[in-house]
Amino acid sequence: MQDTLKQILIKQWRKQKRLPKIVVDTNLFVSGLLSPAGPSAALMNRLTDSAYQLYLSRAIFTEYGKVIHQFVKIPKTKREKILGRIRHRAVWVRPETANQFVLRDPSDDKFIQCVLAAQADFLVTGDKDLLSISSRKVGGAYILSLVELNEIMGWG
């Protein structure tokens, strides 16, 4: 992301009185599970602290569920608790399923669809395909890495 755009976003979001609307890609959700003390886990913990509003679609939540249930080393009760917390805290949207995007990986469509339906501010991802979209923007939302989001929000 260009430094000038990053500086504009920093000024804009550090003055905001409302919570940012964020869609979180599954790769960050998985990273949070694998490294409970890492930055992805901190992002999910900020959800509990009401630092942002998470937006989800059924397709994204289904993918979260499929992924978390692959982690058999995490007790099933803990996996269910994590999913329950996300389900409870999220704002649910119903995207237009007819929207198809020209992405290398069509499974990424659900994130773009959710961003548009939610009128989200940010799509946070580690996905190189999404981060390589030239404008780094879809609808009114910026596509950011977790590092960029942390810098903009001042979450360190």
C-alpha atoms as a PDB file:
ATOM      1  CA  MET A   1       0.000   0.000   0.000  1.00  0.00           C
ATOM      2  CA  GLN A   2       1.295   3.465  -0.866  1.00  0.00           C
ATOM      3  CA  ASP A   3       2.563   5.450   2.111  1.00  0.00           C
ATOM      4  CA  THR A   4       0.434   8.503   1.272  1.00  0.00           C
ATOM      5  CA  LEU A   5      -2.754   6.435   1.207  1.00  0.00           C
ATOM      6  CA  LYS A   6      -1.731   4.746   4.444  1.00  0.00           C
ATOM      7  CA  GLN A   7      -1.201   8.161   6.092  1.00  0.00           C
ATOM      8  CA  ILE A   8      -4.632   9.350   4.910  1.00  0.00           C
ATOM      9  CA  LEU A   9      -6.262   6.228   6.319  1.00  0.00           C
ATOM     10  CA  ILE A  10      -4.388   6.604   9.608  1.00  0.00           C
ATOM     11  CA  LYS A  11      -5.654  10.177  10.026  1.00  0.00           C
ATOM     12  CA  GLN A  12      -9.171   9.205   8.984  1.00  0.00           C
ATOM     13  CA  TRP A  13      -9.568   6.137  11.198  1.00  0.00           C
ATOM     14  CA  ARG A  14      -7.902   7.400  14.331  1.00  0.00           C
ATOM     15  CA  LYS A  15     -10.509  10.188  14.428  1.00  0.00           C
ATOM     16  CA  GLN A  16     -13.494   7.913  13.779  1.00  0.00           C
ATOM     17  CA  LYS A  17     -16.172   7.646  16.433  1.00  0.00           C
ATOM     18  CA  ARG A  18     -17.659   4.455  14.984  1.00  0.00           C
ATOM     19  CA  LEU A  19     -16.273   0.953  14.891  1.00  0.00           C
ATOM     20  CA  PRO A  20     -14.720  -0.128  11.603  1.00  0.00           C
ATOM     21  CA  LYS A  21     -16.657  -2.751   9.648  1.00  0.00           C
ATOM     22  CA  ILE A  22     -14.266  -5.576   8.860  1.00  0.00           C
ATOM     23  CA  VAL A  23     -14.413  -8.839   6.910  1.00  0.00           C
ATOM     24  CA  VAL A  24     -11.665 -11.280   7.968  1.00  0.00           C
ATOM     25  CA  ASP A  25     -10.324 -13.856   5.518  1.00  0.00           C
ATOM     26  CA  THR A  26     -10.109 -17.459   6.696  1.00  0.00           C
ATOM     27  CA  ASN A  27      -6.299 -17.505   6.486  1.00  0.00           C
ATOM     28  CA  LEU A  28      -6.109 -15.021   9.387  1.00  0.00           C
ATOM     29  CA  PHE A  29      -8.640 -17.021  11.374  1.00  0.00           C
ATOM     30  CA  VAL A  30      -6.461 -20.123  10.901  1.00  0.00           C
ATOM     31  CA  SER A  31      -3.303 -18.202  11.849  1.00  0.00           C
ATOM     32  CA  GLY A  32      -4.986 -17.155  15.081  1.00  0.00           C
ATOM     33  CA  LEU A  33      -5.706 -20.789  15.913  1.00  0.00           C
ATOM     34  CA  LEU A  34      -2.166 -21.912  15.135  1.00  0.00           C
ATOM     35  CA  SER A  35      -0.516 -19.115  17.083  1.00  0.00           C
ATOM     36  CA  PRO A  36      -2.718 -18.065  20.025  1.00  0.00           C
ATOM     37  CA  ALA A  37      -0.224 -15.369  21.056  1.00  0.00           C
ATOM     38  CA  GLY A  38       0.262 -13.974  17.543  1.00  0.00           C
ATOM     39  CA  PRO A  39      -1.202 -10.962  15.755  1.00  0.00           C
ATOM     40  CA  SER A  40      -4.048 -12.913  14.113  1.00  0.00           C
ATOM     41  CA  ALA A  41      -5.210 -14.171  17.505  1.00  0.00           C
ATOM     42  CA  ALA A  42      -4.997 -10.592  18.786  1.00  0.00           C
ATOM     43  CA  LEU A  43      -7.316  -9.515  15.952  1.00  0.00           C
ATOM     44  CA  MET A  44      -9.890 -12.106  17.000  1.00  0.00           C
ATOM     45  CA  ASN A  45      -9.485 -11.044  20.661  1.00  0.00           C
ATOM     46  CA  ARG A  46     -10.184  -7.434  19.646  1.00  0.00           C
ATOM     47  CA  LEU A  47     -13.552  -8.654  18.426  1.00  0.00           C
ATOM     48  CA  THR A  48     -14.378  -9.638  22.002  1.00  0.00           C
ATOM     49  CA  ASP A  49     -13.155  -6.218  23.159  1.00  0.00           C
ATOM     50  CA  SER A  50     -15.499  -4.564  20.623  1.00  0.00           C
ATOM     51  CA  ALA A  51     -12.651  -2.782  18.819  1.00  0.00           C
ATOM     52  CA  TYR A  52     -14.310  -3.474  15.464  1.00  0.00           C
ATOM     53  CA  GLN A  53     -17.418  -5.015  13.990  1.00  0.00           C
ATOM     54  CA  LEU A  54     -16.927  -8.331  12.202  1.00  0.00           C
ATOM     55  CA  TYR A  55     -19.159  -8.972   9.194  1.00  0.00           C
ATOM     56  CA  LEU A  56     -19.865 -12.511   8.061  1.00  0.00           C
ATOM     57  CA  SER A  57     -21.852 -14.384   5.488  1.00  0.00           C
ATOM     58  CA  ARG A  58     -23.038 -17.947   5.843  1.00  0.00           C
ATOM     59  CA  ALA A  59     -20.409 -19.053   3.278  1.00  0.00           C
ATOM     60  CA  ILE A  60     -17.547 -17.511   5.275  1.00  0.00           C
ATOM     61  CA  PHE A  61     -18.759 -18.917   8.584  1.00  0.00           C
ATOM     62  CA  THR A  62     -19.162 -22.357   6.998  1.00  0.00           C
ATOM     63  CA  GLU A  63     -15.559 -22.165   5.818  1.00  0.00           C
ATOM     64  CA  TYR A  64     -14.413 -21.086   9.306  1.00  0.00           C
ATOM     65  CA  GLY A  65     -16.243 -24.122  10.721  1.00  0.00           C
ATOM     66  CA  LYS A  66     -14.721 -26.573   8.244  1.00  0.00           C
ATOM     67  CA  VAL A  67     -11.258 -25.230   8.966  1.00  0.00           C
ATOM     68  CA  ILE A  68     -11.515 -25.182  12.755  1.00  0.00           C
ATOM     69  CA  HIS A  69     -12.811 -28.749  12.891  1.00  0.00           C
ATOM     70  CA  GLN A  70      -9.616 -29.910  11.166  1.00  0.00           C
ATOM     71  CA  PHE A  71      -7.692 -28.932  14.316  1.00  0.00           C
ATOM     72  CA  VAL A  72      -8.367 -32.105  16.271  1.00  0.00           C
ATOM     73  CA  LYS A  73      -5.663 -31.200  18.804  1.00  0.00           C
ATOM     74  CA  ILE A  74      -7.927 -28.364  19.946  1.00  0.00           C
ATOM     75  CA  PRO A  75     -10.657 -29.903  22.109  1.00  0.00           C
ATOM     76  CA  LYS A  76     -14.048 -29.947  20.399  1.00  0.00           C
ATOM     77  CA  THR A  77     -15.618 -27.894  23.210  1.00  0.00           C
ATOM     78  CA  LYS A  78     -13.034 -25.156  22.695  1.00  0.00           C
ATOM     79  CA  ARG A  79     -13.582 -25.199  18.912  1.00  0.00           C
ATOM     80  CA  GLU A  80     -17.329 -24.846  19.451  1.00  0.00           C
ATOM     81  CA  LYS A  81     -16.757 -22.019  21.943  1.00  0.00           C
ATOM     82  CA  ILE A  82     -14.610 -20.119  19.426  1.00  0.00           C
ATOM     83  CA  LEU A  83     -17.216 -20.520  16.686  1.00  0.00           C
ATOM     84  CA  GLY A  84     -19.989 -19.559  19.105  1.00  0.00           C
ATOM     85  CA  ARG A  85     -18.180 -16.366  20.089  1.00  0.00           C
ATOM     86  CA  ILE A  86     -17.710 -15.421  16.453  1.00  0.00           C
ATOM     87  CA  ARG A  87     -21.326 -16.288  15.589  1.00  0.00           C
ATOM     88  CA  HIS A  88     -22.599 -14.181  18.478  1.00  0.00           C
ATOM     89  CA  ARG A  89     -20.386 -11.134  17.848  1.00  0.00           C
ATOM     90  CA  ALA A  90     -20.692 -10.938  14.074  1.00  0.00           C
ATOM     91  CA  VAL A  91     -23.111  -8.943  11.980  1.00  0.00           C
ATOM     92  CA  TRP A  92     -24.600 -11.280   9.400  1.00  0.00           C
ATOM     93  CA  VAL A  93     -25.169 -10.292   5.785  1.00  0.00           C
ATOM     94  CA  ARG A  94     -26.723 -12.018   2.786  1.00  0.00           C
ATOM     95  CA  PRO A  95     -24.579 -11.255  -0.230  1.00  0.00           C
ATOM     96  CA  GLU A  96     -25.804 -11.314  -3.787  1.00  0.00           C
ATOM     97  CA  THR A  97     -24.714 -14.801  -4.813  1.00  0.00           C
ATOM     98  CA  ALA A  98     -24.951 -13.888  -8.484  1.00  0.00           C
ATOM     99  CA  ASN A  99     -21.928 -11.607  -8.193  1.00  0.00           C
ATOM    100  CA  GLN A 100     -18.947 -13.308  -9.764  1.00  0.00           C
ATOM    101  CA  PHE A 101     -15.566 -11.653  -9.787  1.00  0.00           C
ATOM    102  CA  VAL A 102     -12.557 -12.190 -11.968  1.00  0.00           C
ATOM    103  CA  LEU A 103     -10.296 -13.653  -9.313  1.00  0.00           C
ATOM    104  CA  ARG A 104      -7.695 -16.338  -9.830  1.00  0.00           C
ATOM    105  CA  ASP A 105      -9.256 -18.283  -6.971  1.00  0.00           C
ATOM    106  CA  PRO A 106     -13.076 -18.268  -7.242  1.00  0.00           C
ATOM    107  CA  SER A 107     -13.310 -19.357  -3.582  1.00  0.00           C
ATOM    108  CA  ASP A 108     -12.279 -15.778  -2.718  1.00  0.00           C
ATOM    109  CA  ASP A 109     -15.543 -14.472  -4.213  1.00  0.00           C
ATOM    110  CA  LYS A 110     -17.373 -14.995  -0.914  1.00  0.00           C
ATOM    111  CA  PHE A 111     -15.144 -12.411   0.791  1.00  0.00           C
ATOM    112  CA  ILE A 112     -15.697  -9.794  -1.900  1.00  0.00           C
ATOM    113  CA  GLN A 113     -19.438 -10.526  -1.867  1.00  0.00           C
ATOM    114  CA  CYS A 114     -19.543 -10.099   1.913  1.00  0.00           C
ATOM    115  CA  VAL A 115     -17.565  -6.835   1.753  1.00  0.00           C
ATOM    116  CA  LEU A 116     -20.030  -5.405  -0.765  1.00  0.00           C
ATOM    117  CA  ALA A 117     -23.132  -6.593   1.107  1.00  0.00           C
ATOM    118  CA  ALA A 118     -21.802  -5.224   4.412  1.00  0.00           C
ATOM    119  CA  GLN A 119     -20.527  -1.992   2.901  1.00  0.00           C
ATOM    120  CA  ALA A 120     -17.433  -2.857   4.904  1.00  0.00           C
ATOM    121  CA  ASP A 121     -14.499  -0.553   5.501  1.00  0.00           C
ATOM    122  CA  PHE A 122     -11.808  -3.220   5.299  1.00  0.00           C
ATOM    123  CA  LEU A 123     -11.151  -6.737   4.050  1.00  0.00           C
ATOM    124  CA  VAL A 124      -8.246  -8.075   6.093  1.00  0.00           C
ATOM    125  CA  THR A 125      -6.332 -10.911   4.496  1.00  0.00           C
ATOM    126  CA  GLY A 126      -3.011 -12.589   3.964  1.00  0.00           C
ATOM    127  CA  ASP A 127      -4.167 -13.919   0.588  1.00  0.00           C
ATOM    128  CA  LYS A 128      -1.693 -12.804  -2.093  1.00  0.00           C
ATOM    129  CA  ASP A 129      -4.357 -12.842  -4.811  1.00  0.00           C
ATOM    130  CA  LEU A 130      -6.607 -10.462  -2.906  1.00  0.00           C
ATOM    131  CA  LEU A 131      -3.695  -8.255  -1.862  1.00  0.00           C
ATOM    132  CA  SER A 132      -2.546  -8.067  -5.487  1.00  0.00           C
ATOM    133  CA  ILE A 133      -5.762  -6.402  -6.704  1.00  0.00           C
ATOM    134  CA  SER A 134      -4.254  -3.265  -8.217  1.00  0.00           C
ATOM    135  CA  SER A 135      -6.519  -0.713  -6.542  1.00  0.00           C
ATOM    136  CA  ARG A 136      -6.433  -2.567  -3.191  1.00  0.00           C
ATOM    137  CA  LYS A 137     -10.066  -1.540  -2.983  1.00  0.00           C
ATOM    138  CA  VAL A 138     -13.423  -3.180  -3.633  1.00  0.00           C
ATOM    139  CA  GLY A 139     -16.554  -1.094  -3.312  1.00  0.00           C
ATOM    140  CA  GLY A 140     -15.693   1.325  -0.527  1.00  0.00           C
ATOM    141  CA  ALA A 141     -13.483  -1.163   1.331  1.00  0.00           C
ATOM    142  CA  TYR A 142      -9.713  -1.273   1.387  1.00  0.00           C
ATOM    143  CA  ILE A 143      -8.011  -4.663   1.104  1.00  0.00           C
ATOM    144  CA  LEU A 144      -5.336  -4.735   3.782  1.00  0.00           C
ATOM    145  CA  SER A 145      -2.839  -7.077   5.324  1.00  0.00           C
ATOM    146  CA  LEU A 146      -3.088  -7.493   9.091  1.00  0.00           C
ATOM    147  CA  VAL A 147       0.093  -5.429   9.532  1.00  0.00           C
ATOM    148  CA  GLU A 148      -1.470  -2.567   7.546  1.00  0.00           C
ATOM    149  CA  LEU A 149      -4.707  -2.730   9.534  1.00  0.00           C
ATOM    150  CA  ASN A 150      -2.792  -2.654  12.821  1.00  0.00           C
ATOM    151  CA  GLU A 151      -0.800   0.392  11.653  1.00  0.00           C
ATOM    152  CA  ILE A 152      -3.913   2.260  10.488  1.00  0.00           C
ATOM    153  CA  MET A 153      -5.918   1.527  13.621  1.00  0.00           C
ATOM    154  CA  GLY A 154      -2.974   2.123  15.964  1.00  0.00           C
ATOM    155  CA  TRP A 155      -3.254  -1.388  17.358  1.00  0.00           C
ATOM    156  CA  GLY A 156       0.500  -1.981  17.102  1.00  0.00           C
END
